[in-house]
Amino acid sequence: MRRSEFQSLGSAIKDYLKVEKIDGKIAELEAVNMWESIIGKQIANATSSIYMKEGVLYIHLRSSIVRNQLFMMRNEIIQAINQRIGSRVVKSIVLK
């Protein structure tokens, strides 16, 4: 074997995930898990549940005031999450 035939473990895992079409689901989980680090602890505490389905991030909130604030910031939130992940995982946000 030549040295050029070797592949790093990280890139081999990424290739496997792409072949098995799992990489999109993992990116969606990352988006959900980074919610608190993106938005902050106080606003994250007002979140009752968060999940993703087919590129849409669903956020259930306990406070209508926080919901209105996030509604005005939703484009910036989408950009921040996608930038951290490195691909366009979140296409839109639904606030409930």
C-alpha atoms as a PDB file:
ATOM      1  CA  MET A   1       0.000   0.000   0.000  1.00  0.00           C
ATOM      2  CA  ARG A   2       1.165   3.445  -0.784  1.00  0.00           C
ATOM      3  CA  ARG A   3       0.830   6.306   1.605  1.00  0.00           C
ATOM      4  CA  SER A   4      -1.612   8.066  -0.731  1.00  0.00           C
ATOM      5  CA  GLU A   5      -4.063   5.172  -0.279  1.00  0.00           C
ATOM      6  CA  PHE A   6      -4.399   5.812   3.444  1.00  0.00           C
ATOM      7  CA  GLN A   7      -7.365   7.778   4.670  1.00  0.00           C
ATOM      8  CA  SER A   8      -7.801   9.412   8.047  1.00  0.00           C
ATOM      9  CA  LEU A   9     -10.318   7.846  10.388  1.00  0.00           C
ATOM     10  CA  GLY A  10     -12.383  11.051  10.465  1.00  0.00           C
ATOM     11  CA  SER A  11     -12.736  11.234   6.701  1.00  0.00           C
ATOM     12  CA  ALA A  12     -13.502   7.494   6.497  1.00  0.00           C
ATOM     13  CA  ILE A  13     -16.327   7.936   9.020  1.00  0.00           C
ATOM     14  CA  LYS A  14     -17.691  10.967   7.131  1.00  0.00           C
ATOM     15  CA  ASP A  15     -17.635   8.995   3.875  1.00  0.00           C
ATOM     16  CA  TYR A  16     -19.462   6.093   5.542  1.00  0.00           C
ATOM     17  CA  LEU A  17     -22.130   8.401   6.980  1.00  0.00           C
ATOM     18  CA  LYS A  18     -22.701   9.955   3.552  1.00  0.00           C
ATOM     19  CA  VAL A  19     -23.025   6.567   1.904  1.00  0.00           C
ATOM     20  CA  GLU A  20     -25.518   5.407   4.533  1.00  0.00           C
ATOM     21  CA  LYS A  21     -27.337   8.789   4.385  1.00  0.00           C
ATOM     22  CA  ILE A  22     -26.991   9.315   8.120  1.00  0.00           C
ATOM     23  CA  ASP A  23     -25.018  12.557   7.979  1.00  0.00           C
ATOM     24  CA  GLY A  24     -28.164  14.720   7.630  1.00  0.00           C
ATOM     25  CA  LYS A  25     -29.751  13.293  10.778  1.00  0.00           C
ATOM     26  CA  ILE A  26     -26.554  13.808  12.740  1.00  0.00           C
ATOM     27  CA  ALA A  27     -26.400  17.431  11.589  1.00  0.00           C
ATOM     28  CA  GLU A  28     -30.022  17.910  12.710  1.00  0.00           C
ATOM     29  CA  LEU A  29     -29.145  16.522  16.158  1.00  0.00           C
ATOM     30  CA  GLU A  30     -26.188  18.898  16.344  1.00  0.00           C
ATOM     31  CA  ALA A  31     -28.498  21.834  15.554  1.00  0.00           C
ATOM     32  CA  VAL A  32     -30.852  20.862  18.375  1.00  0.00           C
ATOM     33  CA  ASN A  33     -27.999  20.272  20.825  1.00  0.00           C
ATOM     34  CA  MET A  34     -26.353  23.637  20.162  1.00  0.00           C
ATOM     35  CA  TRP A  35     -29.564  25.616  20.813  1.00  0.00           C
ATOM     36  CA  GLU A  36     -28.495  26.834  24.257  1.00  0.00           C
ATOM     37  CA  SER A  37     -25.011  27.842  23.128  1.00  0.00           C
ATOM     38  CA  ILE A  38     -26.458  29.839  20.202  1.00  0.00           C
ATOM     39  CA  ILE A  39     -29.318  31.580  21.979  1.00  0.00           C
ATOM     40  CA  GLY A  40     -28.111  31.830  25.583  1.00  0.00           C
ATOM     41  CA  LYS A  41     -29.063  30.206  28.859  1.00  0.00           C
ATOM     42  CA  GLN A  42     -31.924  32.525  29.851  1.00  0.00           C
ATOM     43  CA  ILE A  43     -33.822  32.146  26.602  1.00  0.00           C
ATOM     44  CA  ALA A  44     -33.045  28.423  26.488  1.00  0.00           C
ATOM     45  CA  ASN A  45     -34.674  28.114  29.916  1.00  0.00           C
ATOM     46  CA  ALA A  46     -37.899  29.489  28.402  1.00  0.00           C
ATOM     47  CA  THR A  47     -37.827  26.679  25.823  1.00  0.00           C
ATOM     48  CA  SER A  48     -40.075  23.744  26.706  1.00  0.00           C
ATOM     49  CA  SER A  49     -39.131  21.511  23.759  1.00  0.00           C
ATOM     50  CA  ILE A  50     -37.092  21.662  20.581  1.00  0.00           C
ATOM     51  CA  TYR A  51     -36.845  19.238  17.682  1.00  0.00           C
ATOM     52  CA  MET A  52     -36.090  19.151  13.972  1.00  0.00           C
ATOM     53  CA  LYS A  53     -37.965  17.583  11.121  1.00  0.00           C
ATOM     54  CA  GLU A  54     -37.059  17.859   7.426  1.00  0.00           C
ATOM     55  CA  GLY A  55     -34.985  21.017   7.800  1.00  0.00           C
ATOM     56  CA  VAL A  56     -37.476  22.843  10.036  1.00  0.00           C
ATOM     57  CA  LEU A  57     -36.495  23.631  13.621  1.00  0.00           C
ATOM     58  CA  TYR A  58     -39.564  23.526  15.884  1.00  0.00           C
ATOM     59  CA  ILE A  59     -39.260  25.439  19.153  1.00  0.00           C
ATOM     60  CA  HIS A  60     -41.941  25.391  21.850  1.00  0.00           C
ATOM     61  CA  LEU A  61     -41.673  28.301  24.276  1.00  0.00           C
ATOM     62  CA  ARG A  62     -43.274  29.076  27.628  1.00  0.00           C
ATOM     63  CA  SER A  63     -43.110  32.855  27.148  1.00  0.00           C
ATOM     64  CA  SER A  64     -44.852  34.898  24.482  1.00  0.00           C
ATOM     65  CA  ILE A  65     -42.340  37.714  25.025  1.00  0.00           C
ATOM     66  CA  VAL A  66     -39.433  35.412  24.232  1.00  0.00           C
ATOM     67  CA  ARG A  67     -41.349  34.037  21.243  1.00  0.00           C
ATOM     68  CA  ASN A  68     -41.737  37.552  19.813  1.00  0.00           C
ATOM     69  CA  GLN A  69     -38.047  38.308  20.345  1.00  0.00           C
ATOM     70  CA  LEU A  70     -36.995  35.091  18.633  1.00  0.00           C
ATOM     71  CA  PHE A  71     -39.452  35.669  15.802  1.00  0.00           C
ATOM     72  CA  MET A  72     -37.647  38.880  14.908  1.00  0.00           C
ATOM     73  CA  MET A  73     -34.243  37.165  15.211  1.00  0.00           C
ATOM     74  CA  ARG A  74     -35.055  33.922  13.387  1.00  0.00           C
ATOM     75  CA  ASN A  75     -32.987  34.648  10.257  1.00  0.00           C
ATOM     76  CA  GLU A  76     -29.910  35.434  12.361  1.00  0.00           C
ATOM     77  CA  ILE A  77     -30.466  32.257  14.393  1.00  0.00           C
ATOM     78  CA  ILE A  78     -30.702  30.148  11.222  1.00  0.00           C
ATOM     79  CA  GLN A  79     -27.475  31.675   9.906  1.00  0.00           C
ATOM     80  CA  ALA A  80     -25.650  31.119  13.202  1.00  0.00           C
ATOM     81  CA  ILE A  81     -26.663  27.455  13.452  1.00  0.00           C
ATOM     82  CA  ASN A  82     -25.858  26.687   9.823  1.00  0.00           C
ATOM     83  CA  GLN A  83     -22.534  28.482  10.078  1.00  0.00           C
ATOM     84  CA  ARG A  84     -21.498  26.439  13.112  1.00  0.00           C
ATOM     85  CA  ILE A  85     -22.515  23.168  11.495  1.00  0.00           C
ATOM     86  CA  GLY A  86     -20.930  24.071   8.175  1.00  0.00           C
ATOM     87  CA  SER A  87     -23.898  23.283   5.953  1.00  0.00           C
ATOM     88  CA  ARG A  88     -27.479  24.410   5.382  1.00  0.00           C
ATOM     89  CA  VAL A  89     -29.250  22.127   7.843  1.00  0.00           C
ATOM     90  CA  VAL A  90     -31.861  24.552   9.211  1.00  0.00           C
ATOM     91  CA  LYS A  91     -34.056  26.005   6.477  1.00  0.00           C
ATOM     92  CA  SER A  92     -36.683  27.614   8.706  1.00  0.00           C
ATOM     93  CA  ILE A  93     -37.793  27.972  12.322  1.00  0.00           C
ATOM     94  CA  VAL A  94     -41.301  27.490  13.685  1.00  0.00           C
ATOM     95  CA  LEU A  95     -41.965  29.109  17.074  1.00  0.00           C
ATOM     96  CA  LYS A  96     -44.882  27.857  19.120  1.00  0.00           C
END
